[in-house]
Amino acid sequence: MTDKKAFYAKLKNQLEDSTNFPSDYMYKFIVPTNGGQQEEVENVFENKGAVIKTKKSKTGKYISISIVLKLNSSDEVISYYEKVEKVEGIISL
């Protein structure tokens, strides 16, 4: 758990150094195709004005999900990462 705290602390610093909020932020995730994870991820961003694009892998075992969302702070960016990290098998890029 401390690794995640360190990761998010570093991310927060990087975002605050490089981003003027409010700003569009792009999330990229990879999820397995066979368990409803795509829907779980999309539900986190539902009704938030997010633009969601998906693409299946060549083998069809995974789906990449790109999500662009206008956010107001680095804390808001991190809060979405924390929500989706609960999805089984998800990989954040």
Protein backbone atom coordinates (compact mmCIF):
# COMPACT_ATOMS: atom_id res chain seq x y z
CA MET A 1 0.00 0.00 0.00
CA THR A 2 2.85 2.41 0.69
CA ASP A 3 4.07 1.91 -2.90
CA LYS A 4 0.73 3.26 -4.13
CA LYS A 5 0.93 6.23 -1.76
CA ALA A 6 4.43 7.02 -3.03
CA PHE A 7 3.29 6.61 -6.64
CA TYR A 8 0.33 8.96 -6.15
CA ALA A 9 2.46 11.52 -4.29
CA LYS A 10 4.94 11.53 -7.18
CA LEU A 11 2.12 11.75 -9.73
CA LYS A 12 0.56 14.66 -7.85
CA ASN A 13 3.87 16.57 -7.95
CA GLN A 14 4.34 15.85 -11.65
CA LEU A 15 0.80 16.97 -12.47
CA GLU A 16 1.15 20.17 -10.49
CA ASP A 17 4.46 20.96 -12.21
CA SER A 18 3.22 20.29 -15.73
CA THR A 19 -0.52 20.97 -15.84
CA ASN A 20 -2.64 24.09 -15.56
CA PHE A 21 -6.02 23.04 -14.18
CA PRO A 22 -8.78 22.85 -15.22
CA SER A 23 -7.38 20.67 -17.98
CA ASP A 24 -8.20 17.68 -20.13
CA TYR A 25 -6.50 14.57 -18.77
CA MET A 26 -6.14 11.27 -20.62
CA TYR A 27 -6.36 7.98 -18.78
CA LYS A 28 -5.26 4.78 -20.48
CA PHE A 29 -6.15 1.36 -19.16
CA ILE A 30 -5.95 -2.21 -20.39
CA VAL A 31 -8.49 -4.75 -19.15
CA PRO A 32 -9.28 -8.40 -19.97
CA THR A 33 -12.22 -8.79 -22.36
CA ASN A 34 -13.92 -11.63 -20.52
CA GLY A 35 -15.15 -10.28 -17.20
CA GLY A 36 -17.13 -7.07 -17.56
CA GLN A 37 -14.15 -4.94 -16.53
CA GLN A 38 -14.63 -2.58 -19.49
CA GLU A 39 -18.10 -1.77 -18.21
CA GLU A 40 -16.79 -1.31 -14.65
CA VAL A 41 -14.21 1.22 -15.85
CA GLU A 42 -16.71 3.07 -18.03
CA ASN A 43 -19.17 3.25 -15.12
CA VAL A 44 -16.59 5.14 -13.02
CA PHE A 45 -16.53 7.89 -15.68
CA GLU A 46 -20.25 7.76 -16.58
CA ASN A 47 -22.09 11.09 -16.72
CA LYS A 48 -18.86 13.04 -16.21
CA GLY A 49 -18.54 14.30 -19.80
CA ALA A 50 -15.72 11.85 -20.55
CA VAL A 51 -14.80 10.84 -24.09
CA ILE A 52 -14.18 7.09 -24.04
CA LYS A 53 -12.50 5.14 -26.85
CA THR A 54 -11.87 1.41 -26.81
CA LYS A 55 -9.81 -0.92 -28.97
CA LYS A 56 -9.51 -4.71 -28.82
CA SER A 57 -6.07 -6.30 -28.89
CA LYS A 58 -5.07 -8.37 -31.91
CA THR A 59 -5.68 -11.59 -29.96
CA GLY A 60 -9.00 -10.31 -28.58
CA LYS A 61 -8.00 -11.08 -25.00
CA TYR A 62 -7.67 -7.45 -23.91
CA ILE A 63 -9.30 -4.09 -24.51
CA SER A 64 -7.46 -0.81 -24.29
CA ILE A 65 -9.57 2.03 -22.96
CA SER A 66 -8.65 5.69 -23.48
CA ILE A 67 -10.63 8.23 -21.50
CA VAL A 68 -10.33 11.99 -21.80
CA LEU A 69 -11.93 14.04 -19.06
CA LYS A 70 -11.74 17.69 -18.04
CA LEU A 71 -10.57 17.83 -14.42
CA ASN A 72 -10.00 20.65 -11.96
CA SER A 73 -7.06 19.42 -9.87
CA SER A 74 -4.34 16.81 -9.47
CA ASP A 75 -6.33 15.38 -6.55
CA GLU A 76 -9.26 14.80 -8.90
CA VAL A 77 -6.98 12.99 -11.39
CA ILE A 78 -5.71 10.72 -8.61
CA SER A 79 -9.20 10.06 -7.23
CA TYR A 80 -10.21 8.45 -10.54
CA TYR A 81 -7.09 6.26 -10.54
CA GLU A 82 -8.00 5.13 -7.02
CA LYS A 83 -11.54 4.28 -8.13
CA VAL A 84 -10.49 2.19 -11.12
CA GLU A 85 -7.62 0.38 -9.41
CA LYS A 86 -10.30 -1.73 -7.71
CA VAL A 87 -11.23 -3.27 -11.08
CA GLU A 88 -9.85 -6.81 -11.31
CA GLY A 89 -7.05 -7.31 -13.82
CA ILE A 90 -6.78 -3.64 -14.79
CA ILE A 91 -3.47 -2.21 -15.98
CA SER A 92 -3.01 1.58 -15.82
CA LEU A 93 -0.68 3.06 -18.41
